[in-house]
Amino acid sequence: MDLPDLFQKYWPFLALGLWFAYKWWNSKRVIAMLPELRKNGAMLIDVRSAGEFASGHAPGTINIPLQELGSRLGEIPKSSPVVLCCASGTRSGMAKLLLRTKGYSMVHNVGTWSKLLG
């Protein structure tokens, strides 16, 4: 089997691997930026459910569940950086897309909320 055949047969696995690699790289990048983002007044938002947030969260985060985010945009200033987190990085990724479409330019997805503990 030659390379084009391998690629054609296994491209979904390659795409999935690249997606996870991107999530890992982006999370590391945001973690490195956290001190500067905090210095610039970043708002740390945990988009998990209220029950998940109550069972554990990083200090300084506020809870705006993903399903409520669209109706609570007034609580999030567009002039400050926003750092989003959740349980795995998926909901915070969706929240990032929502905020970007609503005109927020300084939005970062750190992934899991526990990454804000360090």
Protein backbone atom coordinates (compact mmCIF):
# COMPACT_ATOMS: atom_id res chain seq x y z
CA MET A 1 0.00 0.00 0.00
CA ASP A 2 1.44 3.37 -1.00
CA LEU A 3 1.18 6.70 0.85
CA PRO A 4 -1.90 8.06 -1.00
CA ASP A 5 -3.77 4.82 -0.28
CA LEU A 6 -2.79 4.96 3.40
CA PHE A 7 -3.90 8.57 3.62
CA GLN A 8 -7.21 7.85 1.90
CA LYS A 9 -7.90 4.92 4.19
CA TYR A 10 -6.78 6.47 7.49
CA TRP A 11 -7.42 10.23 7.07
CA PRO A 12 -10.12 10.33 9.81
CA PHE A 13 -7.60 9.10 12.38
CA LEU A 14 -5.04 11.62 11.17
CA ALA A 15 -7.59 14.43 11.41
CA LEU A 16 -8.55 13.38 14.93
CA GLY A 17 -4.90 13.24 15.98
CA LEU A 18 -4.28 16.70 14.54
CA TRP A 19 -7.35 18.06 16.38
CA PHE A 20 -6.10 16.75 19.74
CA ALA A 21 -2.60 18.06 19.01
CA TYR A 22 -4.03 21.50 18.27
CA LYS A 23 -6.09 21.50 21.50
CA TRP A 24 -2.99 20.53 23.50
CA TRP A 25 -0.81 23.18 21.83
CA ASN A 26 -3.40 25.93 22.20
CA SER A 27 -3.96 25.11 25.87
CA LYS A 28 -0.20 25.34 26.55
CA ARG A 29 -0.11 28.69 24.73
CA VAL A 30 -2.97 30.14 26.80
CA ILE A 31 -1.43 28.84 30.06
CA ALA A 32 1.81 30.65 29.17
CA MET A 33 -0.18 33.84 28.54
CA LEU A 34 -2.17 33.66 31.82
CA PRO A 35 0.08 35.93 33.93
CA GLU A 36 -0.12 38.68 31.31
CA LEU A 37 -3.84 38.15 30.74
CA ARG A 38 -4.51 38.38 34.50
CA LYS A 39 -2.39 41.53 34.70
CA ASN A 40 -4.57 43.00 31.95
CA GLY A 41 -7.76 42.28 33.94
CA ALA A 42 -8.85 39.07 32.25
CA MET A 43 -12.24 37.70 33.18
CA LEU A 44 -12.04 33.97 33.95
CA ILE A 45 -15.28 32.22 32.99
CA ASP A 46 -16.15 28.59 33.69
CA VAL A 47 -18.91 27.50 31.31
CA ARG A 48 -19.75 24.22 33.07
CA SER A 49 -23.14 23.71 34.71
CA ALA A 50 -23.79 25.23 38.13
CA GLY A 51 -23.62 21.76 39.71
CA GLU A 52 -20.24 21.01 38.12
CA PHE A 53 -18.93 24.42 39.19
CA ALA A 54 -20.14 23.86 42.78
CA SER A 55 -18.27 20.56 42.97
CA GLY A 56 -14.97 22.32 42.26
CA HIS A 57 -13.62 25.36 40.44
CA ALA A 58 -10.52 27.51 40.13
CA PRO A 59 -10.26 30.57 42.39
CA GLY A 60 -11.25 33.77 40.63
CA THR A 61 -13.51 32.14 38.06
CA ILE A 62 -17.14 33.01 37.63
CA ASN A 63 -19.73 30.54 36.44
CA ILE A 64 -21.74 31.31 33.33
CA PRO A 65 -23.02 27.97 31.98
CA LEU A 66 -22.73 27.63 28.21
CA GLN A 67 -26.51 27.49 27.75
CA GLU A 68 -26.85 30.85 29.56
CA LEU A 69 -23.92 32.60 27.91
CA GLY A 70 -25.90 34.21 25.10
CA SER A 71 -28.33 35.84 27.52
CA ARG A 72 -25.59 37.02 29.92
CA LEU A 73 -23.27 38.82 27.52
CA GLY A 74 -23.87 42.08 29.37
CA GLU A 75 -21.82 40.69 32.28
CA ILE A 76 -18.74 40.29 30.07
CA PRO A 77 -16.88 43.45 29.04
CA LYS A 78 -15.60 43.52 25.47
CA SER A 79 -12.65 45.67 26.53
CA SER A 80 -11.00 43.00 28.72
CA PRO A 81 -9.49 39.65 27.85
CA VAL A 82 -11.74 36.64 28.49
CA VAL A 83 -10.36 33.22 29.46
CA LEU A 84 -12.81 30.33 29.16
CA CYS A 85 -12.68 26.88 30.74
CA CYS A 86 -14.89 23.84 31.25
CA ALA A 87 -14.44 20.12 31.97
CA SER A 88 -12.67 19.10 28.76
CA GLY A 89 -12.28 22.19 26.59
CA THR A 90 -15.18 21.41 24.27
CA ARG A 91 -17.84 23.66 25.82
CA SER A 92 -15.30 26.44 26.34
CA GLY A 93 -14.40 26.09 22.65
CA MET A 94 -18.07 26.55 21.73
CA ALA A 95 -18.26 29.53 24.10
CA LYS A 96 -15.21 31.06 22.42
CA LEU A 97 -16.89 30.78 19.02
CA LEU A 98 -20.07 32.39 20.39
CA LEU A 99 -18.18 35.30 21.95
CA ARG A 100 -16.14 35.83 18.77
CA THR A 101 -19.34 36.06 16.70
CA LYS A 102 -20.68 38.62 19.20
CA GLY A 103 -17.69 40.93 18.75
CA TYR A 104 -15.34 39.83 21.54
CA SER A 105 -11.81 39.91 20.16
CA MET A 106 -9.67 38.91 23.17
CA VAL A 107 -11.09 35.44 23.90
CA HIS A 108 -8.94 32.47 24.95
CA ASN A 109 -9.84 28.83 25.65
CA VAL A 110 -7.59 27.30 28.32
CA GLY A 111 -9.38 23.95 28.17
CA THR A 112 -10.00 22.20 31.47
CA TRP A 113 -10.70 24.34 34.52
CA SER A 114 -7.96 22.62 36.52
CA LYS A 115 -5.35 24.29 34.31
CA LEU A 116 -6.21 27.56 36.04
CA LEU A 117 -5.11 26.13 39.39
CA GLY A 118 -1.38 26.13 38.64
